[in-house]
Amino acid sequence: MKYTKRTKSKKRKEGQTHFQVFHLLHKVTLEKKLAIRSL
């Protein structure tokens, strides 16, 4: 039981970091689009 709990929490952490990276990339792309539009 302990092992499954540990893997679950690890997967959740990985998911959180992946979401953060995706969010950052999305933010950067949006900023780039805005910069191109303003030029």
PDB file of N, CA and C in Angstrom:
ATOM      1  N   MET A   1       0.825  -1.209   0.000  1.00  0.00           N
ATOM      2  CA  MET A   1       0.000   0.000   0.000  1.00  0.00           C
ATOM      3  C   MET A   1       0.863   1.265   0.000  1.00  0.00           C
ATOM      4  N   LYS A   2       1.879   1.288   0.847  1.00  0.00           N
ATOM      5  CA  LYS A   2       2.744   2.469   0.922  1.00  0.00           C
ATOM      6  C   LYS A   2       3.373   2.761  -0.442  1.00  0.00           C
ATOM      7  N   TYR A   3       3.823   1.686  -1.135  1.00  0.00           N
ATOM      8  CA  TYR A   3       4.497   1.866  -2.427  1.00  0.00           C
ATOM      9  C   TYR A   3       3.578   2.561  -3.438  1.00  0.00           C
ATOM     10  N   THR A   4       2.326   2.100  -3.522  1.00  0.00           N
ATOM     11  CA  THR A   4       1.396   2.690  -4.490  1.00  0.00           C
ATOM     12  C   THR A   4       1.155   4.153  -4.154  1.00  0.00           C
ATOM     13  N   LYS A   5       1.033   4.454  -2.852  1.00  0.00           N
ATOM     14  CA  LYS A   5       0.810   5.844  -2.447  1.00  0.00           C
ATOM     15  C   LYS A   5       1.982   6.705  -2.897  1.00  0.00           C
ATOM     16  N   ARG A   6       3.188   6.201  -2.691  1.00  0.00           N
ATOM     17  CA  ARG A   6       4.389   6.968  -3.050  1.00  0.00           C
ATOM     18  C   ARG A   6       4.405   7.250  -4.554  1.00  0.00           C
ATOM     19  N   THR A   7       4.131   6.231  -5.367  1.00  0.00           N
ATOM     20  CA  THR A   7       4.162   6.417  -6.827  1.00  0.00           C
ATOM     21  C   THR A   7       3.073   7.398  -7.256  1.00  0.00           C
ATOM     22  N   LYS A   8       1.917   7.315  -6.589  1.00  0.00           N
ATOM     23  CA  LYS A   8       0.826   8.227  -6.947  1.00  0.00           C
ATOM     24  C   LYS A   8       1.246   9.670  -6.714  1.00  0.00           C
ATOM     25  N   SER A   9       1.812   9.943  -5.517  1.00  0.00           N
ATOM     26  CA  SER A   9       2.225  11.311  -5.198  1.00  0.00           C
ATOM     27  C   SER A   9       3.313  11.771  -6.166  1.00  0.00           C
ATOM     28  N   LYS A  10       4.223  10.852  -6.522  1.00  0.00           N
ATOM     29  CA  LYS A  10       5.299  11.200  -7.457  1.00  0.00           C
ATOM     30  C   LYS A  10       4.702  11.583  -8.808  1.00  0.00           C
ATOM     31  N   LYS A  11       3.738  10.789  -9.268  1.00  0.00           N
ATOM     32  CA  LYS A  11       3.104  11.078 -10.559  1.00  0.00           C
ATOM     33  C   LYS A  11       2.413  12.431 -10.505  1.00  0.00           C
ATOM     34  N   ARG A  12       1.756  12.719  -9.376  1.00  0.00           N
ATOM     35  CA  ARG A  12       1.050  13.983  -9.231  1.00  0.00           C
ATOM     36  C   ARG A  12       2.049  15.137  -9.306  1.00  0.00           C
ATOM     37  N   LYS A  13       3.198  14.962  -8.643  1.00  0.00           N
ATOM     38  CA  LYS A  13       4.235  16.009  -8.674  1.00  0.00           C
ATOM     39  C   LYS A  13       4.715  16.225 -10.096  1.00  0.00           C
ATOM     40  N   GLU A  14       4.980  15.143 -10.809  1.00  0.00           N
ATOM     41  CA  GLU A  14       5.440  15.252 -12.197  1.00  0.00           C
ATOM     42  C   GLU A  14       4.400  15.980 -13.037  1.00  0.00           C
ATOM     43  N   GLY A  15       3.136  15.663 -12.797  1.00  0.00           N
ATOM     44  CA  GLY A  15       2.064  16.315 -13.539  1.00  0.00           C
ATOM     45  C   GLY A  15       2.053  17.811 -13.268  1.00  0.00           C
ATOM     46  N   GLN A  16       2.252  18.180 -12.003  1.00  0.00           N
ATOM     47  CA  GLN A  16       2.267  19.602 -11.640  1.00  0.00           C
ATOM     48  C   GLN A  16       3.396  20.328 -12.352  1.00  0.00           C
ATOM     49  N   THR A  17       4.600  19.734 -12.330  1.00  0.00           N
ATOM     50  CA  THR A  17       5.742  20.397 -12.977  1.00  0.00           C
ATOM     51  C   THR A  17       5.490  20.503 -14.480  1.00  0.00           C
ATOM     52  N   HIS A  18       4.928  19.449 -15.080  1.00  0.00           N
ATOM     53  CA  HIS A  18       4.636  19.461 -16.519  1.00  0.00           C
ATOM     54  C   HIS A  18       3.650  20.584 -16.827  1.00  0.00           C
ATOM     55  N   PHE A  19       2.636  20.730 -15.971  1.00  0.00           N
ATOM     56  CA  PHE A  19       1.633  21.778 -16.174  1.00  0.00           C
ATOM     57  C   PHE A  19       2.293  23.156 -16.087  1.00  0.00           C
ATOM     58  N   GLN A  20       3.197  23.321 -15.107  1.00  0.00           N
ATOM     59  CA  GLN A  20       3.890  24.602 -14.942  1.00  0.00           C
ATOM     60  C   GLN A  20       4.701  24.931 -16.179  1.00  0.00           C
ATOM     61  N   VAL A  21       5.429  23.946 -16.705  1.00  0.00           N
ATOM     62  CA  VAL A  21       6.248  24.166 -17.899  1.00  0.00           C
ATOM     63  C   VAL A  21       5.363  24.536 -19.079  1.00  0.00           C
ATOM     64  N   PHE A  22       4.260  23.796 -19.234  1.00  0.00           N
ATOM     65  CA  PHE A  22       3.322  24.062 -20.330  1.00  0.00           C
ATOM     66  C   PHE A  22       2.771  25.480 -20.213  1.00  0.00           C
ATOM     67  N   HIS A  23       2.424  25.873 -18.977  1.00  0.00           N
ATOM     68  CA  HIS A  23       1.879  27.217 -18.734  1.00  0.00           C
ATOM     69  C   HIS A  23       2.904  28.277 -19.114  1.00  0.00           C
ATOM     70  N   LEU A  24       4.167  28.043 -18.724  1.00  0.00           N
ATOM     71  CA  LEU A  24       5.232  29.010 -19.032  1.00  0.00           C
ATOM     72  C   LEU A  24       5.399  29.134 -20.542  1.00  0.00           C
ATOM     73  N   LEU A  25       5.427  27.997 -21.237  1.00  0.00           N
ATOM     74  CA  LEU A  25       5.586  28.020 -22.693  1.00  0.00           C
ATOM     75  C   LEU A  25       4.422  28.775 -23.339  1.00  0.00           C
ATOM     76  N   HIS A  26       3.214  28.512 -22.849  1.00  0.00           N
ATOM     77  CA  HIS A  26       2.033  29.177 -23.392  1.00  0.00           C
ATOM     78  C   HIS A  26       2.147  30.690 -23.190  1.00  0.00           C
ATOM     79  N   LYS A  27       2.611  31.079 -22.008  1.00  0.00           N
ATOM     80  CA  LYS A  27       2.771  32.500 -21.688  1.00  0.00           C
ATOM     81  C   LYS A  27       3.786  33.138 -22.636  1.00  0.00           C
ATOM     82  N   VAL A  28       4.892  32.451 -22.851  1.00  0.00           N
ATOM     83  CA  VAL A  28       5.943  32.978 -23.730  1.00  0.00           C
ATOM     84  C   VAL A  28       5.419  33.143 -25.150  1.00  0.00           C
ATOM     85  N   THR A  29       4.695  32.141 -25.641  1.00  0.00           N
ATOM     86  CA  THR A  29       4.167  32.216 -27.008  1.00  0.00           C
ATOM     87  C   THR A  29       3.180  33.372 -27.131  1.00  0.00           C
ATOM     88  N   LEU A  30       2.370  33.569 -26.100  1.00  0.00           N
ATOM     89  CA  LEU A  30       1.402  34.666 -26.120  1.00  0.00           C
ATOM     90  C   LEU A  30       2.140  36.003 -26.173  1.00  0.00           C
ATOM     91  N   GLU A  31       3.189  36.125 -25.367  1.00  0.00           N
ATOM     92  CA  GLU A  31       3.968  37.372 -25.345  1.00  0.00           C
ATOM     93  C   GLU A  31       4.610  37.620 -26.700  1.00  0.00           C
ATOM     94  N   LYS A  32       5.113  36.550 -27.300  1.00  0.00           N
ATOM     95  CA  LYS A  32       5.746  36.692 -28.625  1.00  0.00           C
ATOM     96  C   LYS A  32       4.718  37.170 -29.645  1.00  0.00           C
ATOM     97  N   LYS A  33       3.520  36.572 -29.611  1.00  0.00           N
ATOM     98  CA  LYS A  33       2.459  36.973 -30.544  1.00  0.00           C
ATOM     99  C   LYS A  33       2.127  38.449 -30.352  1.00  0.00           C
ATOM    100  N   LEU A  34       2.026  38.873 -29.099  1.00  0.00           N
ATOM    101  CA  LEU A  34       1.704  40.276 -28.806  1.00  0.00           C
ATOM    102  C   LEU A  34       2.814  41.183 -29.313  1.00  0.00           C
ATOM    103  N   ALA A  35       4.060  40.770 -29.122  1.00  0.00           N
ATOM    104  CA  ALA A  35       5.199  41.582 -29.563  1.00  0.00           C
ATOM    105  C   ALA A  35       5.182  41.724 -31.081  1.00  0.00           C
ATOM    106  N   ILE A  36       4.905  40.618 -31.777  1.00  0.00           N
ATOM    107  CA  ILE A  36       4.875  40.649 -33.249  1.00  0.00           C
ATOM    108  C   ILE A  36       3.741  41.570 -33.713  1.00  0.00           C
ATOM    109  N   ARG A  37       2.604  41.486 -33.018  1.00  0.00           N
ATOM    110  CA  ARG A  37       1.442  42.296 -33.389  1.00  0.00           C
ATOM    111  C   ARG A  37       1.746  43.791 -33.183  1.00  0.00           C
ATOM    112  N   SER A  38       2.470  44.102 -32.115  1.00  0.00           N
ATOM    113  CA  SER A  38       2.748  45.512 -31.795  1.00  0.00           C
ATOM    114  C   SER A  38       3.790  46.108 -32.738  1.00  0.00           C
ATOM    115  N   LEU A  39       4.627  45.274 -33.336  1.00  0.00           N
ATOM    116  CA  LEU A  39       5.694  45.801 -34.215  1.00  0.00           C
ATOM    117  C   LEU A  39       5.115  46.422 -35.481  1.00  0.00           C
TER     118      LEU A  39
END
